[in-house]
Structures are given as C-alpha cells and as structure tokens.
Amino acid sequence: MNMTLDEQKKALIERIGIFHEKMGLQPVAGRILGLMYVADRPALTFDEIREELSISKSATSTALNLLIETGPVEYITFPGDRKRYFRLKTSNWRDALTKRIDNIINFKVLLKEVLECRTDKTSEFNTCLGEFVDFLDFLQEELPNLLDKWEKSRVK
C-alpha cells in the first residue's frame, strides 16, 4: 500500500533520520522512526515500511529488530490478520528519557574513577572532566524535581 507521502513529509523523514543517526542510531533505523512519526496511520506493516523507504528486506528487518530491542518501536497484530504491524511506543517517553539520563548519570561513577587515577590533577582536561561530573551530580539531584514540576503544571 503506497502512502504517497508529499515532499514535505519525505524531507521531514530524512531530517528525523539524520537526527537519530547523529545520536548513534543506524541510518535506516532513523529513517524508519521518521516514517513512523509522519505516517497518517499509527501502525505500518513490514512491507509498507520497506516499500516507502525503498530499502531491502534485510535492512528493514535488521533495523526493526534493533528498534524493538532498544525500545522505541513495538509490534502488534490484529485478529484474523497474519501480518505484524509496527508502531512507535509513544506512551513510554518519560521512562525512555529517564533511562537515557540515568545511563549518562551512572557514567559519572566511571568518570570519578578516571579522575582518581589520573596523575596530573591540575590539567585543563581534569578540570573540565570534574565540572562535567559536578553537573551530572546536579542533574541527578534536580531531574526528579523537574519532572514533578512538569507533572504539577499539567494538572491545572
């Protein structure tokens, strides 16, 4: 089924793909996310994704498996239909964001060990690394407050 995306949507898919590629995702996986964001339907079949993006079956399969494994995409089925439909998991954005931030914050433990084992305690590198560790401490302390503040602002 051809979705007949207009040029604006095609360009947006590419920009979203490039954004995700810069964040470390495979280019095809980023483009699949872009397609899922701009598609008029919330769930797409394997063949729709493959055909719309003009990518091979193996590239589509590899990218979808990665996206399912890492969390932003899930698949669903419908009674009487043997196809799998892929969609964004938009309801878990807060958990996904918190997990990413937690990973960054947890990296500070390793960075503290790096600072302890470096012999040149006065170098500019150590100073910058120390500031980053301090910021991660600050982020860890403030993030729960920020999320609570946002939740309270939505209740109004």
N, C-alpha and C. Protein backbone atom coordinates (compact mmCIF):
# COMPACT_ATOMS: atom_id res chain seq x y z
N MET A 1 0.85 -1.19 0.00
CA MET A 1 0.00 0.00 0.00
C MET A 1 0.89 1.24 0.00
N ASN A 2 0.80 2.02 -1.01
CA ASN A 2 1.60 3.22 -1.12
C ASN A 2 0.95 4.34 -0.31
N MET A 3 1.75 4.97 0.54
CA MET A 3 1.23 6.04 1.38
C MET A 3 1.22 7.38 0.67
N THR A 4 1.88 7.48 -0.46
CA THR A 4 2.01 8.72 -1.21
C THR A 4 2.33 9.91 -0.30
N LEU A 5 3.52 9.86 0.25
CA LEU A 5 3.99 10.96 1.10
C LEU A 5 4.35 12.15 0.24
N ASP A 6 3.98 13.33 0.69
CA ASP A 6 4.35 14.53 -0.06
C ASP A 6 5.81 14.87 0.22
N GLU A 7 6.33 15.83 -0.52
CA GLU A 7 7.75 16.19 -0.42
C GLU A 7 8.11 16.71 0.98
N GLN A 8 7.19 17.43 1.61
CA GLN A 8 7.44 17.94 2.95
C GLN A 8 7.66 16.79 3.94
N LYS A 9 6.80 15.76 3.87
CA LYS A 9 6.93 14.62 4.76
C LYS A 9 8.19 13.82 4.46
N LYS A 10 8.52 13.65 3.19
CA LYS A 10 9.74 12.94 2.83
C LYS A 10 10.97 13.65 3.38
N ALA A 11 10.99 14.97 3.26
CA ALA A 11 12.11 15.75 3.78
C ALA A 11 12.19 15.64 5.30
N LEU A 12 11.03 15.64 5.94
CA LEU A 12 10.99 15.52 7.39
C LEU A 12 11.50 14.15 7.85
N ILE A 13 11.11 13.11 7.11
CA ILE A 13 11.61 11.76 7.42
C ILE A 13 13.13 11.75 7.37
N GLU A 14 13.70 12.36 6.35
CA GLU A 14 15.16 12.39 6.23
C GLU A 14 15.80 13.18 7.36
N ARG A 15 15.21 14.30 7.74
CA ARG A 15 15.77 15.11 8.84
C ARG A 15 15.69 14.36 10.16
N ILE A 16 14.58 13.67 10.39
CA ILE A 16 14.44 12.87 11.61
C ILE A 16 15.46 11.74 11.58
N GLY A 17 15.63 11.12 10.43
CA GLY A 17 16.62 10.05 10.30
C GLY A 17 18.02 10.55 10.59
N ILE A 18 18.38 11.70 10.07
CA ILE A 18 19.71 12.27 10.31
C ILE A 18 19.89 12.61 11.79
N PHE A 19 18.85 13.15 12.41
CA PHE A 19 18.91 13.44 13.84
C PHE A 19 19.25 12.18 14.63
N HIS A 20 18.53 11.10 14.35
CA HIS A 20 18.76 9.85 15.08
C HIS A 20 20.12 9.23 14.73
N GLU A 21 20.55 9.41 13.49
CA GLU A 21 21.87 8.92 13.10
C GLU A 21 22.96 9.63 13.90
N LYS A 22 22.80 10.94 14.08
CA LYS A 22 23.77 11.71 14.87
C LYS A 22 23.76 11.27 16.34
N MET A 23 22.65 10.70 16.77
CA MET A 23 22.55 10.21 18.15
C MET A 23 23.07 8.77 18.27
N GLY A 24 23.58 8.22 17.17
CA GLY A 24 24.20 6.91 17.21
C GLY A 24 23.40 5.76 16.63
N LEU A 25 22.25 6.05 16.08
CA LEU A 25 21.39 5.01 15.52
C LEU A 25 21.78 4.74 14.07
N GLN A 26 21.53 3.54 13.60
CA GLN A 26 21.77 3.21 12.20
C GLN A 26 20.92 4.12 11.31
N PRO A 27 21.44 4.51 10.15
CA PRO A 27 20.67 5.41 9.27
C PRO A 27 19.29 4.86 8.91
N VAL A 28 19.19 3.57 8.57
CA VAL A 28 17.89 3.01 8.19
C VAL A 28 16.93 3.04 9.37
N ALA A 29 17.41 2.73 10.55
CA ALA A 29 16.55 2.76 11.74
C ALA A 29 16.04 4.17 12.00
N GLY A 30 16.88 5.16 11.81
CA GLY A 30 16.45 6.55 11.97
C GLY A 30 15.39 6.94 10.97
N ARG A 31 15.53 6.49 9.73
CA ARG A 31 14.54 6.79 8.70
C ARG A 31 13.22 6.08 8.99
N ILE A 32 13.30 4.86 9.52
CA ILE A 32 12.07 4.15 9.89
C ILE A 32 11.34 4.93 10.99
N LEU A 33 12.08 5.43 11.97
CA LEU A 33 11.44 6.25 13.01
C LEU A 33 10.80 7.48 12.39
N GLY A 34 11.51 8.11 11.46
CA GLY A 34 10.95 9.28 10.78
C GLY A 34 9.66 8.96 10.08
N LEU A 35 9.63 7.84 9.37
CA LEU A 35 8.40 7.42 8.69
C LEU A 35 7.27 7.20 9.68
N MET A 36 7.58 6.55 10.78
CA MET A 36 6.54 6.26 11.77
C MET A 36 5.99 7.54 12.40
N TYR A 37 6.82 8.55 12.54
CA TYR A 37 6.34 9.83 13.08
C TYR A 37 5.41 10.54 12.12
N VAL A 38 5.71 10.50 10.83
CA VAL A 38 4.92 11.30 9.89
C VAL A 38 3.78 10.54 9.20
N ALA A 39 3.77 9.23 9.29
CA ALA A 39 2.72 8.44 8.63
C ALA A 39 1.35 8.79 9.22
N ASP A 40 0.35 8.74 8.38
CA ASP A 40 -1.01 9.08 8.82
C ASP A 40 -1.62 7.98 9.69
N ARG A 41 -1.07 6.79 9.61
CA ARG A 41 -1.58 5.67 10.43
C ARG A 41 -0.58 5.36 11.54
N PRO A 42 -1.05 4.96 12.69
CA PRO A 42 -0.15 4.71 13.81
C PRO A 42 0.65 3.41 13.71
N ALA A 43 0.24 2.48 12.84
CA ALA A 43 0.94 1.21 12.71
C ALA A 43 1.12 0.86 11.24
N LEU A 44 2.32 0.41 10.88
CA LEU A 44 2.66 0.10 9.50
C LEU A 44 3.17 -1.32 9.39
N THR A 45 2.92 -1.96 8.25
CA THR A 45 3.43 -3.30 8.04
C THR A 45 4.90 -3.24 7.60
N PHE A 46 5.55 -4.37 7.69
CA PHE A 46 6.93 -4.52 7.24
C PHE A 46 7.07 -4.06 5.78
N ASP A 47 6.17 -4.56 4.93
CA ASP A 47 6.25 -4.23 3.50
C ASP A 47 5.99 -2.75 3.24
N GLU A 48 5.08 -2.15 3.99
CA GLU A 48 4.82 -0.71 3.81
C GLU A 48 6.08 0.10 4.14
N ILE A 49 6.73 -0.27 5.23
CA ILE A 49 7.96 0.43 5.63
C ILE A 49 9.03 0.25 4.56
N ARG A 50 9.23 -1.00 4.15
CA ARG A 50 10.26 -1.33 3.17
C ARG A 50 10.02 -0.60 1.85
N GLU A 51 8.80 -0.65 1.37
CA GLU A 51 8.47 -0.04 0.08
C GLU A 51 8.55 1.49 0.14
N GLU A 52 8.03 2.08 1.19
CA GLU A 52 8.00 3.54 1.27
C GLU A 52 9.41 4.12 1.36
N LEU A 53 10.30 3.42 2.05
CA LEU A 53 11.66 3.92 2.21
C LEU A 53 12.63 3.35 1.17
N SER A 54 12.13 2.47 0.31
CA SER A 54 12.96 1.85 -0.73
C SER A 54 14.22 1.20 -0.15
N ILE A 55 14.01 0.34 0.83
CA ILE A 55 15.12 -0.36 1.46
C ILE A 55 14.91 -1.87 1.33
N SER A 56 15.98 -2.60 1.44
CA SER A 56 15.92 -4.05 1.27
C SER A 56 15.22 -4.72 2.45
N LYS A 57 14.80 -5.96 2.22
CA LYS A 57 14.16 -6.72 3.29
C LYS A 57 15.11 -6.91 4.46
N SER A 58 16.36 -7.23 4.17
CA SER A 58 17.31 -7.47 5.27
C SER A 58 17.58 -6.20 6.07
N ALA A 59 17.72 -5.07 5.39
CA ALA A 59 17.95 -3.79 6.09
C ALA A 59 16.73 -3.42 6.93
N THR A 60 15.56 -3.65 6.39
CA THR A 60 14.32 -3.37 7.13
C THR A 60 14.23 -4.25 8.36
N SER A 61 14.48 -5.53 8.18
CA SER A 61 14.40 -6.48 9.29
C SER A 61 15.41 -6.15 10.38
N THR A 62 16.65 -5.89 9.98
CA THR A 62 17.69 -5.57 10.95
C THR A 62 17.34 -4.31 11.75
N ALA A 63 16.89 -3.28 11.05
CA ALA A 63 16.56 -2.01 11.71
C ALA A 63 15.35 -2.17 12.63
N LEU A 64 14.32 -2.86 12.18
CA LEU A 64 13.14 -3.05 13.03
C LEU A 64 13.50 -3.87 14.28
N ASN A 65 14.31 -4.90 14.12
CA ASN A 65 14.73 -5.69 15.29
C ASN A 65 15.49 -4.83 16.28
N LEU A 66 16.37 -3.97 15.77
CA LEU A 66 17.11 -3.06 16.64
C LEU A 66 16.16 -2.11 17.37
N LEU A 67 15.21 -1.54 16.65
CA LEU A 67 14.27 -0.59 17.25
C LEU A 67 13.36 -1.26 18.29
N ILE A 68 13.01 -2.51 18.05
CA ILE A 68 12.21 -3.25 19.03
C ILE A 68 13.06 -3.55 20.26
N GLU A 69 14.29 -3.98 20.02
CA GLU A 69 15.19 -4.34 21.13
C GLU A 69 15.54 -3.13 22.00
N THR A 70 15.76 -1.99 21.37
CA THR A 70 16.16 -0.80 22.13
C THR A 70 14.98 -0.02 22.69
N GLY A 71 13.77 -0.32 22.23
CA GLY A 71 12.60 0.20 22.90
C GLY A 71 11.68 1.19 22.22
N PRO A 72 12.10 1.94 21.20
CA PRO A 72 11.15 2.94 20.69
C PRO A 72 10.02 2.37 19.82
N VAL A 73 10.15 1.12 19.39
CA VAL A 73 9.15 0.53 18.49
C VAL A 73 8.67 -0.79 19.07
N GLU A 74 7.40 -1.08 18.82
CA GLU A 74 6.83 -2.37 19.18
C GLU A 74 5.99 -2.85 18.01
N TYR A 75 5.64 -4.13 18.06
CA TYR A 75 4.74 -4.61 17.01
C TYR A 75 3.47 -5.13 17.64
N ILE A 76 2.41 -5.05 16.86
CA ILE A 76 1.11 -5.54 17.28
C ILE A 76 0.55 -6.40 16.16
N THR A 77 -0.44 -7.19 16.49
CA THR A 77 -1.16 -7.98 15.49
C THR A 77 -2.64 -7.73 15.68
N PHE A 78 -3.39 -8.05 14.66
CA PHE A 78 -4.84 -7.91 14.71
C PHE A 78 -5.47 -9.27 14.44
N PRO A 79 -6.57 -9.58 15.13
CA PRO A 79 -7.23 -10.87 14.91
C PRO A 79 -7.58 -11.08 13.44
N GLY A 80 -7.27 -12.25 12.94
CA GLY A 80 -7.58 -12.58 11.55
C GLY A 80 -6.58 -12.06 10.54
N ASP A 81 -5.58 -11.32 10.98
CA ASP A 81 -4.56 -10.77 10.09
C ASP A 81 -3.21 -11.35 10.52
N ARG A 82 -2.51 -12.01 9.62
CA ARG A 82 -1.26 -12.66 9.97
C ARG A 82 -0.07 -11.71 9.97
N LYS A 83 -0.26 -10.49 9.51
CA LYS A 83 0.83 -9.52 9.45
C LYS A 83 1.12 -8.92 10.81
N ARG A 84 2.38 -8.51 10.97
CA ARG A 84 2.76 -7.73 12.14
C ARG A 84 2.76 -6.25 11.73
N TYR A 85 2.27 -5.44 12.64
CA TYR A 85 2.23 -4.00 12.41
C TYR A 85 3.16 -3.34 13.42
N PHE A 86 3.99 -2.44 12.93
CA PHE A 86 4.99 -1.79 13.76
C PHE A 86 4.54 -0.36 14.08
N ARG A 87 4.77 0.03 15.33
CA ARG A 87 4.37 1.38 15.74
C ARG A 87 5.33 1.92 16.79
N LEU A 88 5.32 3.24 16.92
CA LEU A 88 6.13 3.90 17.95
C LEU A 88 5.51 3.65 19.31
N LYS A 89 6.35 3.48 20.30
CA LYS A 89 5.86 3.38 21.68
C LYS A 89 5.92 4.77 22.30
N THR A 90 4.92 5.57 21.97
CA THR A 90 4.93 6.96 22.43
C THR A 90 4.50 7.12 23.88
N SER A 91 3.82 6.14 24.42
CA SER A 91 3.34 6.27 25.79
C SER A 91 4.44 6.12 26.83
N ASN A 92 5.60 5.60 26.45
CA ASN A 92 6.66 5.39 27.44
C ASN A 92 7.78 6.43 27.33
N TRP A 93 7.49 7.60 26.80
CA TRP A 93 8.52 8.60 26.58
C TRP A 93 9.23 8.98 27.87
N ARG A 94 8.48 9.08 28.96
CA ARG A 94 9.10 9.50 30.22
C ARG A 94 10.08 8.44 30.71
N ASP A 95 9.69 7.17 30.65
CA ASP A 95 10.59 6.10 31.06
C ASP A 95 11.83 6.05 30.18
N ALA A 96 11.64 6.21 28.87
CA ALA A 96 12.76 6.16 27.94
C ALA A 96 13.74 7.31 28.21
N LEU A 97 13.20 8.50 28.43
CA LEU A 97 14.04 9.67 28.71
C LEU A 97 14.78 9.49 30.03
N THR A 98 14.06 9.03 31.04
CA THR A 98 14.68 8.82 32.35
C THR A 98 15.79 7.77 32.25
N LYS A 99 15.57 6.72 31.48
CA LYS A 99 16.58 5.68 31.32
C LYS A 99 17.84 6.24 30.66
N ARG A 100 17.65 7.05 29.62
CA ARG A 100 18.81 7.65 28.95
C ARG A 100 19.58 8.55 29.89
N ILE A 101 18.85 9.36 30.64
CA ILE A 101 19.52 10.27 31.57
C ILE A 101 20.20 9.47 32.69
N ASP A 102 19.55 8.43 33.18
CA ASP A 102 20.16 7.58 34.20
C ASP A 102 21.47 6.97 33.70
N ASN A 103 21.49 6.53 32.45
CA ASN A 103 22.72 5.97 31.89
C ASN A 103 23.85 6.99 31.88
N ILE A 104 23.51 8.21 31.51
CA ILE A 104 24.51 9.28 31.49
C ILE A 104 24.98 9.58 32.91
N ILE A 105 24.03 9.69 33.83
CA ILE A 105 24.38 9.98 35.22
C ILE A 105 25.22 8.86 35.82
N ASN A 106 24.86 7.62 35.53
CA ASN A 106 25.62 6.50 36.07
C ASN A 106 27.04 6.44 35.52
N PHE A 107 27.27 7.00 34.36
CA PHE A 107 28.61 7.06 33.79
C PHE A 107 29.54 7.89 34.67
N LYS A 108 28.97 8.77 35.49
CA LYS A 108 29.80 9.63 36.33
C LYS A 108 30.63 8.82 37.32
N VAL A 109 30.16 7.64 37.72
CA VAL A 109 30.93 6.78 38.62
C VAL A 109 32.26 6.43 37.96
N LEU A 110 32.20 6.08 36.70
CA LEU A 110 33.44 5.77 35.97
C LEU A 110 34.31 7.01 35.79
N LEU A 111 33.66 8.14 35.54
CA LEU A 111 34.43 9.38 35.37
C LEU A 111 35.14 9.77 36.67
N LYS A 112 34.50 9.53 37.79
CA LYS A 112 35.16 9.81 39.08
C LYS A 112 36.38 8.92 39.27
N GLU A 113 36.28 7.67 38.83
CA GLU A 113 37.43 6.77 38.90
C GLU A 113 38.55 7.25 37.98
N VAL A 114 38.17 7.77 36.82
CA VAL A 114 39.17 8.32 35.90
C VAL A 114 39.92 9.45 36.57
N LEU A 115 39.18 10.35 37.21
CA LEU A 115 39.83 11.49 37.88
C LEU A 115 40.75 11.03 39.01
N GLU A 116 40.35 9.98 39.71
CA GLU A 116 41.19 9.47 40.81
C GLU A 116 42.49 8.85 40.30
N CYS A 117 42.45 8.22 39.14
CA CYS A 117 43.65 7.53 38.66
C CYS A 117 44.56 8.42 37.82
N ARG A 118 44.11 9.60 37.42
CA ARG A 118 44.96 10.50 36.64
C ARG A 118 45.96 11.17 37.56
N THR A 119 47.20 11.22 37.13
CA THR A 119 48.24 11.78 38.00
C THR A 119 48.34 13.29 37.92
N ASP A 120 48.02 13.86 36.79
CA ASP A 120 48.11 15.31 36.63
C ASP A 120 46.80 15.94 37.08
N LYS A 121 46.71 16.31 38.34
CA LYS A 121 45.45 16.83 38.90
C LYS A 121 45.18 18.28 38.53
N THR A 122 46.11 18.94 37.88
CA THR A 122 45.91 20.36 37.58
C THR A 122 45.63 20.65 36.12
N SER A 123 45.58 19.63 35.30
CA SER A 123 45.41 19.87 33.87
C SER A 123 44.01 20.40 33.56
N GLU A 124 43.93 21.07 32.43
CA GLU A 124 42.65 21.60 31.96
C GLU A 124 41.66 20.46 31.73
N PHE A 125 42.17 19.33 31.22
CA PHE A 125 41.32 18.16 30.99
C PHE A 125 40.64 17.73 32.28
N ASN A 126 41.42 17.60 33.35
CA ASN A 126 40.85 17.18 34.63
C ASN A 126 39.84 18.18 35.16
N THR A 127 40.11 19.45 34.97
CA THR A 127 39.19 20.49 35.42
C THR A 127 37.86 20.37 34.68
N CYS A 128 37.92 20.22 33.36
CA CYS A 128 36.70 20.09 32.57
C CYS A 128 35.95 18.81 32.93
N LEU A 129 36.68 17.73 33.12
CA LEU A 129 36.05 16.46 33.49
C LEU A 129 35.39 16.58 34.87
N GLY A 130 36.05 17.25 35.78
CA GLY A 130 35.48 17.47 37.12
C GLY A 130 34.20 18.29 37.07
N GLU A 131 34.17 19.30 36.20
CA GLU A 131 32.96 20.11 36.04
C GLU A 131 31.81 19.26 35.49
N PHE A 132 32.14 18.38 34.55
CA PHE A 132 31.12 17.50 33.99
C PHE A 132 30.56 16.58 35.06
N VAL A 133 31.41 16.02 35.89
CA VAL A 133 30.97 15.15 36.99
C VAL A 133 30.09 15.95 37.95
N ASP A 134 30.49 17.17 38.25
CA ASP A 134 29.67 18.03 39.13
C ASP A 134 28.30 18.28 38.51
N PHE A 135 28.26 18.54 37.19
CA PHE A 135 26.98 18.76 36.53
C PHE A 135 26.11 17.52 36.60
N LEU A 136 26.71 16.35 36.41
CA LEU A 136 25.94 15.11 36.48
C LEU A 136 25.37 14.90 37.89
N ASP A 137 26.12 15.27 38.90
CA ASP A 137 25.59 15.23 40.28
C ASP A 137 24.38 16.16 40.41
N PHE A 138 24.52 17.37 39.85
CA PHE A 138 23.44 18.35 39.88
C PHE A 138 22.22 17.83 39.13
N LEU A 139 22.44 17.27 37.95
CA LEU A 139 21.35 16.74 37.14
C LEU A 139 20.62 15.62 37.88
N GLN A 140 21.37 14.76 38.52
CA GLN A 140 20.77 13.66 39.26
C GLN A 140 19.88 14.17 40.40
N GLU A 141 20.28 15.25 41.01
CA GLU A 141 19.51 15.82 42.10
C GLU A 141 18.29 16.58 41.62
N GLU A 142 18.42 17.28 40.52
CA GLU A 142 17.35 18.16 40.03
C GLU A 142 16.32 17.50 39.13
N LEU A 143 16.69 16.44 38.44
CA LEU A 143 15.78 15.83 37.48
C LEU A 143 14.45 15.40 38.11
N PRO A 144 14.45 14.70 39.24
CA PRO A 144 13.15 14.34 39.82
C PRO A 144 12.28 15.57 40.12
N ASN A 145 12.90 16.65 40.58
CA ASN A 145 12.16 17.88 40.86
C ASN A 145 11.58 18.46 39.57
N LEU A 146 12.35 18.42 38.51
CA LEU A 146 11.90 18.95 37.23
C LEU A 146 10.72 18.15 36.70
N LEU A 147 10.78 16.83 36.78
CA LEU A 147 9.67 16.00 36.32
C LEU A 147 8.43 16.22 37.18
N ASP A 148 8.61 16.34 38.49
CA ASP A 148 7.47 16.63 39.37
C ASP A 148 6.84 17.98 39.04
N LYS A 149 7.68 18.97 38.82
CA LYS A 149 7.19 20.31 38.47
C LYS A 149 6.39 20.25 37.17
N TRP A 150 6.88 19.52 36.19
CA TRP A 150 6.17 19.39 34.92
C TRP A 150 4.84 18.70 35.13
N GLU A 151 4.81 17.62 35.91
CA GLU A 151 3.56 16.90 36.18
C GLU A 151 2.54 17.83 36.84
N LYS A 152 2.98 18.62 37.82
CA LYS A 152 2.07 19.54 38.51
C LYS A 152 1.54 20.60 37.57
N SER A 153 2.36 21.04 36.61
CA SER A 153 1.92 22.08 35.67
C SER A 153 0.84 21.54 34.72
N ARG A 154 0.80 20.24 34.52
CA ARG A 154 -0.18 19.62 33.62
C ARG A 154 -1.53 19.41 34.28
N VAL A 155 -1.58 19.44 35.61
CA VAL A 155 -2.82 19.16 36.34
C VAL A 155 -3.77 20.35 36.28
N LYS A 156 -3.25 21.54 36.08
CA LYS A 156 -4.06 22.77 36.10
C LYS A 156 -5.23 22.74 35.21
